[in-house]
Amino acid sequence: MKRLFAALELQVGKTWSGAWRAASEPGRVYMGGVEGLTPVRLPAYGGTIDEALQGGHYVTQQHDSVSVEALRWNCSSIDVRDRRSYPRLYELRELVANWPPDTITVPPRHFASLCRFDYRDAADVERAFALRDAELPFLVYNIPEADQTAKDWSTPGFLEARLGTRRFRTERSDDNHFMYFSQGRGLRGWQRPTTDVSMRYDEWLASSRKAYNTTVLEPHFYFRLSPPDVKPSDVPIFKAPERGSRSLFLREPREFKGVHCRFGQAGVIAEAHYDGSRNMVAELGGPPDHPNSGRRRYVLAPPDECDKAYLLPRSHPSGRHSQIDWSRPVNHDKYPLFYHMRVTETILEPGDVLYIPHGWIHYIISLGTNFQCNARSGRNAVGMGALKKCGFL
């Protein structure tokens, strides 16, 4: 166990990331001293928003960021059998140099490359089904039920009335990083990365306003809703399909694990990990008077990049998670493959639904106060062989 701690550079008595946060604090150069990696923000798109859209670029809802390049594949005719061509991937060094993880200000360009399908278009829905069945990630928008849920939840007073004065499990971190862990696994000298507190929704919302004016080294809170406190009727896109019909959002309804929601504060980071089942993630808005309300940034990598993520072993309480704090300079000698990880990123806006296939690594940053719910349904064998080289499955 001592050798394991030495390898991971963990410090007993410190939180998972608290000992490392100073590297990205204001007044310090974000990636200073890291050979070959300096902060470089890409310039804004040279044309108008209309020209960007006509050229096939993705433009965010708030028109504050344009994809680095237009999709080089045609999402209307993508060959799902050629898994090497979709999605387009970029080296992680490019993404973090352009947009450091602790920065919630959206840059003028970002590395979006996932297909985005309009749920109102029947042909687009069939394309989404094709990518889902091929176990490849994508986004769907213009979903009436998701848009209505986002509208309701973002209306001041709606969630206060829905949740009342009850207290719910809320994760507390000494900084802005959160990492899952299993209490059932012990490790000598290990200390849990977060603690659980009990909060009313209005208390959490009040603390979320303060989060915009705190540093990454101050406490942050992750509000949780799980069954039976949240049901499919609260998020109708996750209702079981009627007999004889199919649901885009539940791949295997019999394996449905219920609706789970996480409400994030500005700057909250969920450490990189892969899920043990398929995951549909719905972004369901946020308070209208909060900057970047209802927005999250996702960085995704396919399963065959697991060796570059340096995942913690299954025996660790946080197994399946990257042992590297992506917000700090990384030792190239110790982790030579990390910045060469091939990834893509996307900004989830209110009403968007993201499909994360089983085994895909993802790193999540809350750009503002936001409400997110997800539904898991079943596992798949596609890409799982790639995880075996990293000691999983």
Protein backbone atom coordinates (compact mmCIF):
# COMPACT_ATOMS: atom_id res chain seq x y z
CA MET A 1 0.00 0.00 0.00
CA LYS A 2 2.88 2.38 0.72
CA ARG A 3 4.16 1.81 -2.80
CA LEU A 4 0.70 2.60 -4.19
CA PHE A 5 0.56 5.90 -2.32
CA ALA A 6 4.03 6.81 -3.49
CA ALA A 7 3.03 6.10 -7.08
CA LEU A 8 -0.07 8.28 -6.84
CA GLU A 9 1.59 11.12 -4.93
CA LEU A 10 -1.27 11.15 -2.42
CA GLN A 11 -0.74 12.88 0.88
CA VAL A 12 -2.40 11.50 3.98
CA GLY A 13 -4.62 14.08 5.61
CA LYS A 14 -5.24 15.97 2.37
CA THR A 15 -8.25 15.85 0.09
CA TRP A 16 -7.83 14.28 -3.32
CA SER A 17 -7.02 17.54 -5.04
CA GLY A 18 -6.59 20.05 -2.24
CA ALA A 19 -2.84 19.49 -2.02
CA TRP A 20 -2.46 20.36 -5.68
CA ARG A 21 -4.75 23.30 -6.30
CA ALA A 22 -2.25 26.13 -5.89
CA ALA A 23 -0.85 25.42 -9.36
CA SER A 24 -3.88 27.03 -10.98
CA GLU A 25 -4.70 29.76 -8.48
CA PRO A 26 -4.92 33.39 -9.65
CA GLY A 27 -1.53 35.05 -9.85
CA ARG A 28 0.19 31.87 -11.03
CA VAL A 29 0.87 30.80 -14.59
CA TYR A 30 -1.60 27.98 -15.24
CA MET A 31 0.76 25.52 -16.87
CA GLY A 32 4.04 27.24 -16.08
CA GLY A 33 7.09 25.06 -16.00
CA VAL A 34 5.57 22.24 -18.04
CA GLU A 35 7.77 21.55 -21.00
CA GLY A 36 6.01 21.87 -24.34
CA LEU A 37 2.69 23.02 -22.85
CA THR A 38 1.80 26.67 -22.50
CA PRO A 39 -1.62 28.33 -22.27
CA VAL A 40 -2.68 29.27 -25.78
CA ARG A 41 -6.26 30.40 -26.40
CA LEU A 42 -7.38 30.00 -29.98
CA PRO A 43 -8.55 33.18 -31.75
CA ALA A 44 -12.20 33.88 -32.40
CA TYR A 45 -13.89 32.80 -35.61
CA GLY A 46 -13.07 35.24 -38.39
CA GLY A 47 -16.54 35.49 -39.91
CA THR A 48 -20.07 36.07 -38.70
CA ILE A 49 -22.20 33.62 -36.76
CA ASP A 50 -24.32 32.99 -39.87
CA GLU A 51 -21.18 32.22 -41.86
CA ALA A 52 -20.01 29.83 -39.17
CA LEU A 53 -23.34 27.99 -39.22
CA GLN A 54 -23.41 27.85 -42.99
CA GLY A 55 -19.88 26.49 -42.97
CA GLY A 56 -20.89 23.57 -40.77
CA HIS A 57 -19.40 24.81 -37.49
CA TYR A 58 -21.18 24.29 -34.20
CA VAL A 59 -22.15 27.54 -32.47
CA THR A 60 -23.25 27.59 -28.82
CA GLN A 61 -26.73 28.78 -27.87
CA GLN A 62 -25.29 32.00 -26.47
CA HIS A 63 -23.13 32.53 -29.58
CA ASP A 64 -20.05 32.84 -27.37
CA SER A 65 -18.05 29.98 -28.89
CA VAL A 66 -17.63 28.33 -32.31
CA SER A 67 -16.20 24.87 -32.96
CA VAL A 68 -12.55 24.87 -34.01
CA GLU A 69 -13.42 23.33 -37.35
CA ALA A 70 -16.46 22.25 -39.29
CA LEU A 71 -17.46 18.60 -39.10
CA ARG A 72 -15.38 16.77 -41.67
CA TRP A 73 -17.87 13.96 -41.81
CA ASN A 74 -21.48 14.30 -42.78
CA CYS A 75 -23.61 13.41 -39.76
CA SER A 76 -26.46 12.62 -42.14
CA SER A 77 -24.54 9.79 -43.77
CA ILE A 78 -21.83 8.77 -41.31
CA ASP A 79 -20.67 5.16 -41.63
CA VAL A 80 -21.05 3.88 -38.07
CA ARG A 81 -18.95 0.84 -38.95
CA ASP A 82 -15.82 2.97 -39.27
CA ARG A 83 -15.23 3.74 -35.62
CA ARG A 84 -11.91 5.44 -36.39
CA SER A 85 -13.53 8.33 -38.25
CA TYR A 86 -16.06 9.45 -35.63
CA PRO A 87 -15.95 11.43 -33.52
CA ARG A 88 -12.99 13.53 -34.58
CA LEU A 89 -10.49 13.54 -31.72
CA TYR A 90 -7.82 16.02 -30.65
CA GLU A 91 -4.86 15.80 -28.30
CA LEU A 92 -5.73 16.75 -24.75
CA ARG A 93 -2.85 19.23 -24.69
CA GLU A 94 -4.69 21.33 -27.27
CA LEU A 95 -7.91 21.42 -25.26
CA VAL A 96 -6.42 22.33 -21.88
CA ALA A 97 -4.09 24.91 -23.41
CA ASN A 98 -7.07 26.59 -25.06
CA TRP A 99 -9.42 26.18 -22.10
CA PRO A 100 -7.87 25.32 -18.67
CA PRO A 101 -10.30 23.18 -16.64
CA ASP A 102 -10.59 25.65 -13.75
CA THR A 103 -11.73 28.40 -16.14
CA ILE A 104 -15.51 28.71 -16.44
CA THR A 105 -15.31 31.56 -18.95
CA VAL A 106 -16.18 30.04 -22.31
CA PRO A 107 -13.42 30.71 -24.90
CA PRO A 108 -14.23 31.95 -28.43
CA ARG A 109 -13.36 28.53 -29.91
CA HIS A 110 -13.68 25.00 -28.54
CA PHE A 111 -13.07 21.48 -29.82
CA ALA A 112 -16.63 20.30 -30.44
CA SER A 113 -16.94 17.36 -32.82
CA LEU A 114 -19.99 15.33 -31.76
CA CYS A 115 -22.98 15.06 -34.06
CA ARG A 116 -25.94 17.09 -32.82
CA PHE A 117 -29.34 15.79 -33.87
CA ASP A 118 -32.63 17.70 -34.00
CA TYR A 119 -35.28 15.61 -32.25
CA ARG A 120 -37.98 17.29 -34.34
CA ASP A 121 -36.44 15.77 -37.49
CA ALA A 122 -37.44 12.11 -37.99
CA ALA A 123 -34.35 11.44 -40.11
CA ASP A 124 -32.11 12.91 -37.41
CA VAL A 125 -33.75 10.68 -34.80
CA GLU A 126 -32.94 7.61 -36.90
CA ARG A 127 -29.33 8.79 -37.18
CA ALA A 128 -29.20 9.17 -33.42
CA PHE A 129 -30.51 5.62 -33.01
CA ALA A 130 -27.79 4.40 -35.40
CA LEU A 131 -25.02 6.04 -33.37
CA ARG A 132 -26.51 4.88 -30.10
CA ASP A 133 -26.73 1.30 -31.32
CA ALA A 134 -23.13 1.56 -32.55
CA GLU A 135 -22.17 2.75 -29.05
CA LEU A 136 -20.87 6.12 -30.19
CA PRO A 137 -21.53 9.46 -28.44
CA PHE A 138 -23.83 12.20 -29.77
CA LEU A 139 -26.16 14.99 -28.63
CA VAL A 140 -29.87 15.56 -29.20
CA TYR A 141 -31.67 18.89 -28.89
CA ASN A 142 -35.15 20.31 -29.48
CA ILE A 143 -36.72 17.59 -27.34
CA PRO A 144 -40.10 18.97 -26.22
CA GLU A 145 -40.17 17.09 -22.88
CA ALA A 146 -36.59 18.04 -22.00
CA ASP A 147 -37.14 21.66 -22.99
CA GLN A 148 -40.28 21.83 -20.86
CA THR A 149 -38.51 20.29 -17.87
CA ALA A 150 -35.64 22.77 -18.25
CA LYS A 151 -38.13 25.64 -18.48
CA ASP A 152 -40.00 24.49 -15.37
CA TRP A 153 -36.93 23.80 -13.26
CA SER A 154 -35.37 27.13 -14.26
CA THR A 155 -38.46 29.06 -13.17
CA PRO A 156 -37.81 30.72 -9.78
CA GLY A 157 -39.83 29.00 -7.08
CA PHE A 158 -40.54 25.78 -9.02
CA LEU A 159 -37.91 23.57 -7.42
CA GLU A 160 -38.37 25.28 -4.07
CA ALA A 161 -42.03 24.20 -4.16
CA ARG A 162 -41.18 20.73 -5.50
CA LEU A 163 -38.48 19.98 -2.93
CA GLY A 164 -39.82 21.97 0.00
CA THR A 165 -37.90 22.14 3.26
CA ARG A 166 -36.61 18.57 3.13
CA ARG A 167 -32.89 18.02 3.43
CA PHE A 168 -31.04 16.02 0.82
CA ARG A 169 -27.66 14.41 0.59
CA THR A 170 -25.13 16.94 -0.68
CA GLU A 171 -21.44 16.31 -1.31
CA ARG A 172 -18.99 18.82 0.12
CA SER A 173 -15.44 19.24 -1.15
CA ASP A 174 -12.70 21.43 0.31
CA ASP A 175 -12.12 22.73 -3.22
CA ASN A 176 -13.92 22.53 -6.56
CA HIS A 177 -13.07 18.88 -7.34
CA PHE A 178 -15.32 15.90 -6.67
CA MET A 179 -14.46 12.24 -7.03
CA TYR A 180 -16.62 9.16 -6.55
CA PHE A 181 -15.41 6.60 -4.03
CA SER A 182 -16.65 3.36 -2.54
CA GLN A 183 -16.92 3.23 1.22
CA GLY A 184 -16.83 -0.54 1.03
CA ARG A 185 -13.15 -0.63 0.08
CA GLY A 186 -10.51 0.23 2.62
CA LEU A 187 -7.03 1.54 1.97
CA ARG A 188 -4.63 2.22 4.81
CA GLY A 189 -3.94 5.93 5.14
CA TRP A 190 -6.53 6.85 2.51
CA GLN A 191 -8.95 9.68 3.31
CA ARG A 192 -12.24 10.21 1.54
CA PRO A 193 -12.10 13.03 -1.04
CA THR A 194 -15.48 14.50 -0.07
CA THR A 195 -17.87 14.47 2.86
CA ASP A 196 -21.65 14.28 2.92
CA VAL A 197 -23.77 17.04 4.41
CA SER A 198 -27.51 17.58 4.53
CA MET A 199 -28.94 20.66 2.80
CA ARG A 200 -32.27 22.10 1.76
CA TYR A 201 -32.47 23.10 -1.89
CA ASP A 202 -32.78 26.79 -1.00
CA GLU A 203 -29.64 26.55 1.14
CA TRP A 204 -27.72 24.95 -1.70
CA LEU A 205 -29.01 27.57 -4.15
CA ALA A 206 -27.86 30.38 -1.87
CA SER A 207 -24.39 28.86 -1.63
CA SER A 208 -24.34 28.53 -5.44
CA ARG A 209 -24.59 32.29 -5.81
CA LYS A 210 -21.49 32.64 -3.66
CA ALA A 211 -19.61 30.06 -5.74
CA TYR A 212 -19.05 32.61 -8.51
CA ASN A 213 -16.97 34.71 -6.12
CA THR A 214 -14.95 31.95 -4.45
CA THR A 215 -11.57 30.54 -5.39
CA VAL A 216 -11.01 26.94 -6.43
CA LEU A 217 -9.56 26.30 -2.96
CA GLU A 218 -12.77 27.10 -1.10
CA PRO A 219 -15.57 24.63 -0.31
CA HIS A 220 -18.03 23.69 -3.07
CA PHE A 221 -21.26 21.68 -2.87
CA TYR A 222 -22.80 19.07 -5.20
CA PHE A 223 -26.55 18.65 -4.56
CA ARG A 224 -27.99 15.19 -5.24
CA LEU A 225 -31.43 13.77 -5.96
CA SER A 226 -31.83 10.00 -6.27
CA PRO A 227 -34.76 7.55 -6.28
CA PRO A 228 -37.30 7.69 -4.75
CA ASP A 229 -36.90 11.47 -4.38
CA VAL A 230 -36.82 11.87 -8.15
CA LYS A 231 -38.88 9.77 -10.56
CA PRO A 232 -39.23 9.35 -14.32
CA SER A 233 -42.36 11.50 -14.11
CA ASP A 234 -40.10 14.38 -13.03
CA VAL A 235 -37.96 13.91 -16.16
CA PRO A 236 -40.42 12.45 -18.72
CA ILE A 237 -37.80 11.62 -21.37
CA PHE A 238 -36.74 8.80 -19.05
CA LYS A 239 -40.17 7.19 -18.83
CA ALA A 240 -40.31 3.57 -19.97
CA PRO A 241 -41.51 3.23 -23.58
CA GLU A 242 -44.93 1.81 -24.27
CA ARG A 243 -45.10 -1.81 -25.38
CA GLY A 244 -44.13 -2.12 -29.02
CA SER A 245 -42.30 1.21 -29.11
CA ARG A 246 -38.69 2.15 -28.45
CA SER A 247 -37.03 4.94 -26.50
CA LEU A 248 -33.92 6.74 -27.70
CA PHE A 249 -33.09 7.57 -24.10
CA LEU A 250 -33.33 4.07 -22.60
CA ARG A 251 -31.31 1.51 -24.57
CA GLU A 252 -32.39 -1.38 -22.33
CA PRO A 253 -35.45 -0.35 -20.27
CA ARG A 254 -35.26 -3.52 -18.16
CA GLU A 255 -31.79 -2.47 -17.02
CA PHE A 256 -32.89 1.07 -16.14
CA LYS A 257 -31.30 2.19 -12.83
CA GLY A 258 -33.67 5.09 -12.16
CA VAL A 259 -33.22 8.83 -12.56
CA HIS A 260 -30.26 10.37 -10.72
CA CYS A 261 -29.70 14.12 -10.60
CA ARG A 262 -26.68 16.23 -9.72
CA PHE A 263 -26.97 19.99 -9.34
CA GLY A 264 -23.60 21.65 -9.89
CA GLN A 265 -22.18 24.98 -8.79
CA ALA A 266 -19.99 27.16 -10.99
CA GLY A 267 -16.53 25.66 -11.15
CA VAL A 268 -17.42 22.22 -9.82
CA ILE A 269 -15.38 19.48 -11.51
CA ALA A 270 -16.26 15.78 -11.53
CA GLU A 271 -12.99 13.91 -12.00
CA ALA A 272 -12.39 11.91 -15.17
CA HIS A 273 -13.83 8.39 -15.07
CA TYR A 274 -15.81 5.87 -17.06
CA ASP A 275 -19.23 4.53 -16.10
CA GLY A 276 -20.08 0.88 -15.68
CA SER A 277 -23.16 1.21 -17.89
CA ARG A 278 -24.60 3.26 -20.73
CA ASN A 279 -25.51 6.80 -19.72
CA MET A 280 -27.96 9.36 -21.10
CA VAL A 281 -27.28 12.78 -19.58
CA ALA A 282 -29.89 15.55 -19.70
CA GLU A 283 -28.97 19.17 -19.00
CA LEU A 284 -32.09 20.70 -17.45
CA GLY A 285 -31.37 24.38 -16.98
CA GLY A 286 -30.46 26.58 -14.06
CA PRO A 287 -31.46 29.82 -12.31
CA PRO A 288 -32.02 32.56 -14.90
CA ASP A 289 -30.00 35.18 -13.02
CA HIS A 290 -26.82 33.10 -12.68
CA PRO A 291 -23.98 33.53 -15.23
CA ASN A 292 -23.56 30.52 -17.54
CA SER A 293 -26.71 29.08 -16.02
CA GLY A 294 -27.57 25.56 -17.11
CA ARG A 295 -24.27 24.84 -18.85
CA ARG A 296 -21.70 22.07 -18.44
CA ARG A 297 -18.53 21.22 -20.31
CA TYR A 298 -17.76 17.57 -21.05
CA VAL A 299 -14.41 16.23 -22.23
CA LEU A 300 -14.72 12.68 -23.59
CA ALA A 301 -12.23 9.99 -24.62
CA PRO A 302 -12.93 6.55 -26.11
CA PRO A 303 -12.13 3.41 -24.08
CA ASP A 304 -8.94 2.68 -26.01
CA GLU A 305 -7.41 5.86 -24.54
CA CYS A 306 -7.62 4.44 -20.99
CA ASP A 307 -3.86 3.91 -20.72
CA LYS A 308 -3.27 7.63 -21.28
CA ALA A 309 -5.78 8.53 -18.55
CA TYR A 310 -3.82 6.58 -15.91
CA LEU A 311 -6.92 5.20 -14.24
CA LEU A 312 -6.85 4.15 -10.61
CA PRO A 313 -6.97 0.34 -10.21
CA ARG A 314 -10.13 -1.55 -9.39
CA SER A 315 -8.84 -2.18 -5.86
CA HIS A 316 -8.73 1.57 -5.10
CA PRO A 317 -11.79 3.22 -3.46
CA SER A 318 -11.97 5.51 -6.53
CA GLY A 319 -11.23 2.84 -9.11
CA ARG A 320 -12.14 3.72 -12.73
CA HIS A 321 -11.11 7.37 -12.11
CA SER A 322 -8.06 9.11 -13.49
CA GLN A 323 -5.35 9.45 -10.86
CA ILE A 324 -4.28 12.76 -12.42
CA ASP A 325 -5.63 16.15 -11.43
CA TRP A 326 -6.28 17.59 -14.89
CA SER A 327 -6.25 21.14 -13.49
CA ARG A 328 -2.60 21.15 -12.52
CA PRO A 329 0.66 20.84 -14.44
CA VAL A 330 1.40 17.17 -15.08
CA ASN A 331 4.78 15.52 -14.75
CA HIS A 332 5.73 14.43 -18.26
CA ASP A 333 8.33 11.96 -17.01
CA LYS A 334 5.83 10.21 -14.78
CA TYR A 335 2.81 10.44 -17.07
CA PRO A 336 4.30 10.62 -20.59
CA LEU A 337 1.10 9.70 -22.42
CA PHE A 338 -1.35 11.98 -20.61
CA TYR A 339 -1.31 15.06 -22.84
CA HIS A 340 -1.42 12.81 -25.92
CA MET A 341 -4.82 11.43 -24.94
CA ARG A 342 -7.23 11.78 -27.85
CA VAL A 343 -10.39 13.56 -26.76
CA THR A 344 -13.31 15.70 -27.85
CA GLU A 345 -15.37 18.19 -25.88
CA THR A 346 -18.86 19.62 -25.86
CA ILE A 347 -20.84 22.29 -24.03
CA LEU A 348 -24.20 21.03 -22.83
CA GLU A 349 -26.91 23.68 -22.95
CA PRO A 350 -30.37 23.58 -21.31
CA GLY A 351 -32.46 20.88 -22.97
CA ASP A 352 -29.50 19.03 -24.50
CA VAL A 353 -29.16 15.27 -23.99
CA LEU A 354 -25.76 13.61 -24.34
CA TYR A 355 -25.21 9.90 -24.90
CA ILE A 356 -22.10 8.52 -23.19
CA PRO A 357 -21.50 4.89 -24.18
CA HIS A 358 -20.37 2.37 -21.60
CA GLY A 359 -16.62 2.69 -21.13
CA TRP A 360 -16.15 6.19 -22.53
CA ILE A 361 -14.03 8.34 -20.20
CA HIS A 362 -15.54 11.71 -19.35
CA TYR A 363 -14.47 14.75 -17.35
CA ILE A 364 -17.17 17.24 -16.31
CA ILE A 365 -16.98 20.96 -15.50
CA SER A 366 -19.98 22.97 -14.33
CA LEU A 367 -19.73 26.32 -16.12
CA GLY A 368 -22.53 27.81 -14.03
CA THR A 369 -25.25 26.73 -11.63
CA ASN A 370 -26.99 23.86 -13.40
CA PHE A 371 -29.42 20.97 -13.02
CA GLN A 372 -28.46 17.67 -14.62
CA CYS A 373 -30.14 14.27 -14.54
CA ASN A 374 -29.03 11.00 -16.05
CA ALA A 375 -30.39 7.53 -16.74
CA ARG A 376 -28.34 4.36 -17.11
CA SER A 377 -29.59 1.28 -18.92
CA GLY A 378 -27.41 -1.73 -19.54
CA ARG A 379 -23.86 -2.51 -20.56
CA ASN A 380 -22.28 -3.30 -23.92
CA ALA A 381 -19.28 -5.18 -25.23
CA VAL A 382 -18.29 -2.59 -27.85
CA GLY A 383 -14.96 -1.08 -26.85
CA MET A 384 -14.82 -3.02 -23.58
CA GLY A 385 -11.89 -5.09 -24.83
CA ALA A 386 -9.85 -1.90 -24.91
CA LEU A 387 -10.30 -1.47 -21.16
CA LYS A 388 -8.74 -4.86 -20.45
CA LYS A 389 -5.29 -3.46 -21.21
CA CYS A 390 -5.85 -1.06 -18.31
CA GLY A 391 -6.76 -3.84 -15.88
CA PHE A 392 -10.56 -3.57 -16.07
CA LEU A 393 -13.32 -6.04 -16.91
